[in-house]
Amino acid sequence: MLRFLLSGCVTSSLERFRRNDRSDSVVCYHGFFRELTGIKTWLTNFSKSRIICRDDFTQRQSIKGFRMEKPHHEYFMKEAIKQAVIALDKGEVPVGAVVVWKNKIVARAYNQMEMLHDPTAHAEMIALTAASETLSQMPEAKPAGLKEHRGSLEGATLYVTLEPCPMCAGALVMTKCQNLVYGARDAKAGACHSRYHITDDDRLNHRVKVTGGVMADDAKFLLAEFFKTLRKEKR
């Protein structure tokens, strides 16, 4: 049901995302969405502030006379949630991710397991791979002392709406990603705080700084609606 509503009410916004339109925009929700109490509450909370569809947040804020001096976790998590909404619209488990390097988004992704018929096509895996490719082509991202960039993610932060599983947590370690910021905990398969602590295992050659619970209620809401719809369809 929510997939139908989202596809009807935010089609124009999703089309802007797919076209990579970077113009400033506010995601607005109209009509009968307002009649649905639970969805209305979430959308109201989620849309309180303007959602700016631009990658370079620091540049945008400096134009306004304000410059961000530290990571703005909620801003980048909203960008990950946008990816999760796209996943939901496509019938995928609504998990979205973005990779940030020097306050700039260098990769965006959402779950594509059903679309690609690939159980490893998690949002985190796709985002990390895309970020590695992007940074490897950026001279300014090359680590000091190396002739060429090998695709590692030193200095990068992954924002994802759900705590990564063991596969994705392992990928964070292997890519040497500096930070992880996630939304909702995954009690069944979370590999950072819930079930395992792969990102902080001192037996491995890299550890990731992890921050959890950022906009967790928003991430939980999308997941709950997806699985509620799935149960109804199976009846």
Protein backbone atom coordinates (compact mmCIF):
# COMPACT_ATOMS: atom_id res chain seq x y z
CA MET A 1 0.00 0.00 0.00
CA LEU A 2 2.77 2.45 0.93
CA ARG A 3 4.63 1.67 -2.30
CA PHE A 4 1.52 2.65 -4.25
CA LEU A 5 1.09 5.86 -2.26
CA LEU A 6 4.74 6.81 -2.57
CA SER A 7 4.78 6.14 -6.30
CA GLY A 8 1.72 8.34 -6.72
CA CYS A 9 2.68 11.18 -4.40
CA VAL A 10 6.41 11.56 -4.89
CA THR A 11 6.80 10.59 -8.54
CA SER A 12 8.07 14.03 -9.53
CA SER A 13 10.65 14.00 -6.74
CA LEU A 14 11.86 10.51 -7.61
CA GLU A 15 12.14 11.48 -11.25
CA ARG A 16 14.32 14.42 -10.22
CA PHE A 17 16.58 12.05 -8.28
CA ARG A 18 16.84 9.63 -11.24
CA ARG A 19 17.71 12.52 -13.56
CA ASN A 20 20.31 13.71 -11.03
CA ASP A 21 18.62 17.09 -10.93
CA ARG A 22 20.63 19.16 -8.44
CA SER A 23 18.28 22.13 -8.31
CA ASP A 24 17.01 23.14 -4.88
CA SER A 25 13.74 21.47 -4.04
CA VAL A 26 11.45 20.63 -1.19
CA VAL A 27 9.87 17.19 -1.12
CA CYS A 28 6.18 17.91 -0.69
CA TYR A 29 3.47 15.40 0.07
CA HIS A 30 -0.14 16.17 -0.81
CA GLY A 31 -3.70 14.83 -1.02
CA PHE A 32 -4.83 11.73 0.75
CA PHE A 33 -1.43 11.21 2.40
CA ARG A 34 -2.70 13.73 4.94
CA GLU A 35 -5.56 11.41 5.81
CA LEU A 36 -3.24 8.61 6.91
CA THR A 37 -2.20 9.35 10.50
CA GLY A 38 0.93 7.23 10.78
CA ILE A 39 2.33 8.20 7.41
CA LYS A 40 1.36 11.83 7.98
CA THR A 41 3.29 11.95 11.25
CA TRP A 42 6.42 10.53 9.69
CA LEU A 43 6.27 12.73 6.62
CA THR A 44 5.64 15.81 8.72
CA ASN A 45 8.67 15.12 10.90
CA PHE A 46 10.82 14.17 7.92
CA SER A 47 9.88 17.28 5.93
CA LYS A 48 10.21 19.94 8.64
CA SER A 49 13.36 21.36 7.09
CA ARG A 50 14.16 22.02 3.44
CA ILE A 51 15.76 19.03 1.74
CA ILE A 52 18.34 20.47 -0.63
CA CYS A 53 19.12 18.24 -3.59
CA ARG A 54 22.77 19.21 -3.95
CA ASP A 55 25.93 17.22 -3.29
CA ASP A 56 28.19 19.94 -1.95
CA PHE A 57 26.41 20.89 1.26
CA THR A 58 29.33 22.99 2.52
CA GLN A 59 29.30 25.12 -0.62
CA ARG A 60 25.54 25.56 -0.45
CA GLN A 61 25.61 26.61 3.19
CA SER A 62 28.51 29.03 2.63
CA ILE A 63 26.33 30.81 0.07
CA LYS A 64 23.79 31.33 2.84
CA GLY A 65 26.48 32.78 5.09
CA PHE A 66 26.90 29.64 7.17
CA ARG A 67 29.73 27.16 6.78
CA MET A 68 29.55 23.68 8.22
CA GLU A 69 32.61 22.91 10.35
CA LYS A 70 31.70 19.33 11.28
CA PRO A 71 29.72 16.48 9.71
CA HIS A 72 26.02 17.19 9.59
CA HIS A 73 24.78 13.67 10.25
CA GLU A 74 21.07 14.39 9.81
CA TYR A 75 21.57 16.09 6.45
CA PHE A 76 23.48 13.17 4.98
CA MET A 77 21.16 10.62 6.61
CA LYS A 78 18.23 12.34 4.89
CA GLU A 79 20.05 11.74 1.61
CA ALA A 80 20.35 8.05 2.51
CA ILE A 81 16.65 7.94 3.40
CA LYS A 82 15.84 9.36 -0.05
CA GLN A 83 17.63 6.34 -1.50
CA ALA A 84 15.64 4.05 0.79
CA VAL A 85 12.40 5.60 -0.51
CA ILE A 86 13.51 4.82 -4.07
CA ALA A 87 14.15 1.21 -3.01
CA LEU A 88 10.67 1.05 -1.49
CA ASP A 89 9.16 2.42 -4.69
CA LYS A 90 10.87 -0.39 -6.62
CA GLY A 91 9.69 -3.13 -4.27
CA GLU A 92 13.07 -3.58 -2.57
CA VAL A 93 13.75 -3.67 1.16
CA PRO A 94 14.02 0.08 1.90
CA VAL A 95 17.67 0.57 2.78
CA GLY A 96 19.62 3.46 1.32
CA ALA A 97 23.21 4.64 1.59
CA VAL A 98 25.51 7.49 0.62
CA VAL A 99 29.29 7.82 0.89
CA VAL A 100 30.67 11.21 1.90
CA TRP A 101 34.23 12.43 1.39
CA LYS A 102 35.23 15.91 2.58
CA ASN A 103 31.57 16.86 3.07
CA LYS A 104 30.70 15.89 -0.50
CA ILE A 105 28.56 12.94 -1.53
CA VAL A 106 30.61 10.76 -3.89
CA ALA A 107 28.22 7.78 -4.14
CA ARG A 108 24.53 6.98 -3.62
CA ALA A 109 22.86 3.60 -3.61
CA TYR A 110 19.84 1.59 -2.49
CA ASN A 111 19.10 -2.12 -2.13
CA GLN A 112 18.87 -3.85 -5.51
CA MET A 113 18.75 -7.53 -4.57
CA GLU A 114 15.44 -8.22 -6.30
CA MET A 115 16.22 -6.08 -9.31
CA LEU A 116 19.63 -7.64 -9.96
CA HIS A 117 18.75 -11.12 -8.64
CA ASP A 118 21.82 -10.79 -6.46
CA PRO A 119 21.64 -11.39 -2.70
CA THR A 120 24.87 -9.41 -2.24
CA ALA A 121 23.46 -6.25 -3.86
CA HIS A 122 23.00 -4.40 -0.58
CA ALA A 123 22.94 -0.61 -0.60
CA GLU A 124 26.23 -0.48 1.30
CA MET A 125 28.07 -2.77 -1.12
CA ILE A 126 26.92 -0.81 -4.16
CA ALA A 127 27.72 2.53 -2.54
CA LEU A 128 31.21 1.46 -1.40
CA THR A 129 32.06 0.11 -4.85
CA ALA A 130 30.84 3.29 -6.56
CA ALA A 131 32.73 5.47 -4.08
CA SER A 132 35.96 3.53 -4.61
CA GLU A 133 35.68 4.04 -8.35
CA THR A 134 34.92 7.75 -7.97
CA LEU A 135 37.74 8.46 -5.52
CA SER A 136 40.25 6.46 -7.55
CA GLN A 137 39.71 8.96 -10.37
CA MET A 138 40.14 12.04 -8.15
CA PRO A 139 43.78 13.18 -7.87
CA GLU A 140 43.05 15.08 -4.66
CA ALA A 141 41.82 11.85 -3.03
CA LYS A 142 45.08 9.93 -3.61
CA PRO A 143 46.72 9.01 -0.27
CA ALA A 144 50.11 10.61 0.30
CA GLY A 145 53.06 8.50 -0.78
CA LEU A 146 51.17 6.41 -3.35
CA LYS A 147 51.66 6.66 -7.11
CA GLU A 148 48.00 5.92 -7.76
CA HIS A 149 44.78 5.57 -5.80
CA ARG A 150 43.93 1.94 -5.11
CA GLY A 151 40.27 2.60 -4.39
CA SER A 152 40.43 2.60 -0.61
CA LEU A 153 38.11 4.90 1.33
CA GLU A 154 40.41 6.62 3.82
CA GLY A 155 38.70 9.73 5.12
CA ALA A 156 35.26 8.67 3.86
CA THR A 157 32.03 8.17 5.80
CA LEU A 158 29.25 5.75 4.90
CA TYR A 159 25.73 6.82 5.88
CA VAL A 160 23.20 3.99 5.76
CA THR A 161 19.66 3.72 7.07
CA LEU A 162 20.11 0.25 8.64
CA GLU A 163 22.99 -1.21 10.65
CA PRO A 164 25.21 -3.16 8.22
CA CYS A 165 25.22 -6.96 8.11
CA PRO A 166 28.45 -9.02 8.43
CA MET A 167 29.11 -8.84 4.69
CA CYS A 168 28.80 -5.05 4.55
CA ALA A 169 30.68 -4.53 7.82
CA GLY A 170 33.51 -6.62 6.41
CA ALA A 171 33.50 -4.48 3.26
CA LEU A 172 33.82 -1.35 5.40
CA VAL A 173 36.93 -2.80 7.02
CA MET A 174 38.42 -3.99 3.73
CA THR A 175 37.92 -0.61 2.04
CA LYS A 176 39.38 1.16 5.11
CA CYS A 177 36.37 3.43 5.36
CA GLN A 178 36.98 5.87 8.21
CA ASN A 179 33.45 6.33 9.60
CA LEU A 180 30.07 4.64 9.59
CA VAL A 181 26.83 6.39 10.53
CA TYR A 182 23.70 4.25 10.53
CA GLY A 183 20.05 4.75 11.38
CA ALA A 184 18.15 1.78 12.80
CA ARG A 185 19.74 -1.18 14.57
CA ASP A 186 19.38 -4.65 13.03
CA ALA A 187 18.75 -7.00 15.94
CA LYS A 188 18.99 -10.10 13.74
CA ALA A 189 22.02 -9.41 11.59
CA GLY A 190 23.64 -6.16 12.72
CA ALA A 191 27.40 -6.54 12.66
CA CYS A 192 28.51 -3.28 14.25
CA HIS A 193 26.66 -3.07 17.58
CA SER A 194 23.80 -5.57 17.72
CA ARG A 195 25.03 -9.13 16.97
CA TYR A 196 28.70 -8.72 16.09
CA HIS A 197 31.37 -6.03 16.35
CA ILE A 198 33.25 -6.54 13.10
CA THR A 199 33.95 -2.84 12.58
CA ASP A 200 35.68 -2.63 15.97
CA ASP A 201 37.48 -5.97 16.03
CA ASP A 202 41.12 -5.38 17.01
CA ARG A 203 42.13 -8.65 15.35
CA LEU A 204 41.56 -6.98 11.97
CA ASN A 205 43.91 -4.50 10.33
CA HIS A 206 41.42 -1.61 10.32
CA ARG A 207 38.70 -0.33 12.62
CA VAL A 208 35.80 1.90 11.67
CA LYS A 209 34.44 4.63 13.90
CA VAL A 210 30.71 3.91 14.26
CA THR A 211 27.81 6.19 15.18
CA GLY A 212 24.36 4.62 15.40
CA GLY A 213 20.79 5.75 15.89
CA VAL A 214 20.79 8.79 13.59
CA MET A 215 17.18 9.31 12.42
CA ALA A 216 16.48 5.75 13.50
CA ASP A 217 12.71 6.26 13.76
CA ASP A 218 12.48 7.33 10.12
CA ALA A 219 14.45 4.31 8.95
CA LYS A 220 12.35 1.98 11.14
CA PHE A 221 9.14 3.44 9.77
CA LEU A 222 10.04 2.65 6.16
CA LEU A 223 11.12 -0.88 7.06
CA ALA A 224 7.97 -1.50 9.13
CA GLU A 225 5.70 -0.34 6.31
CA PHE A 226 7.53 -2.51 3.79
CA PHE A 227 7.20 -5.69 5.83
CA LYS A 228 3.63 -4.87 6.79
CA THR A 229 2.76 -4.63 3.09
CA LEU A 230 4.68 -7.84 2.38
CA ARG A 231 2.70 -9.75 5.01
CA LYS A 232 -0.58 -8.50 3.58
CA GLU A 233 0.41 -9.58 0.07
CA LYS A 234 1.21 -13.09 1.28
CA ARG A 235 -2.23 -13.59 2.84
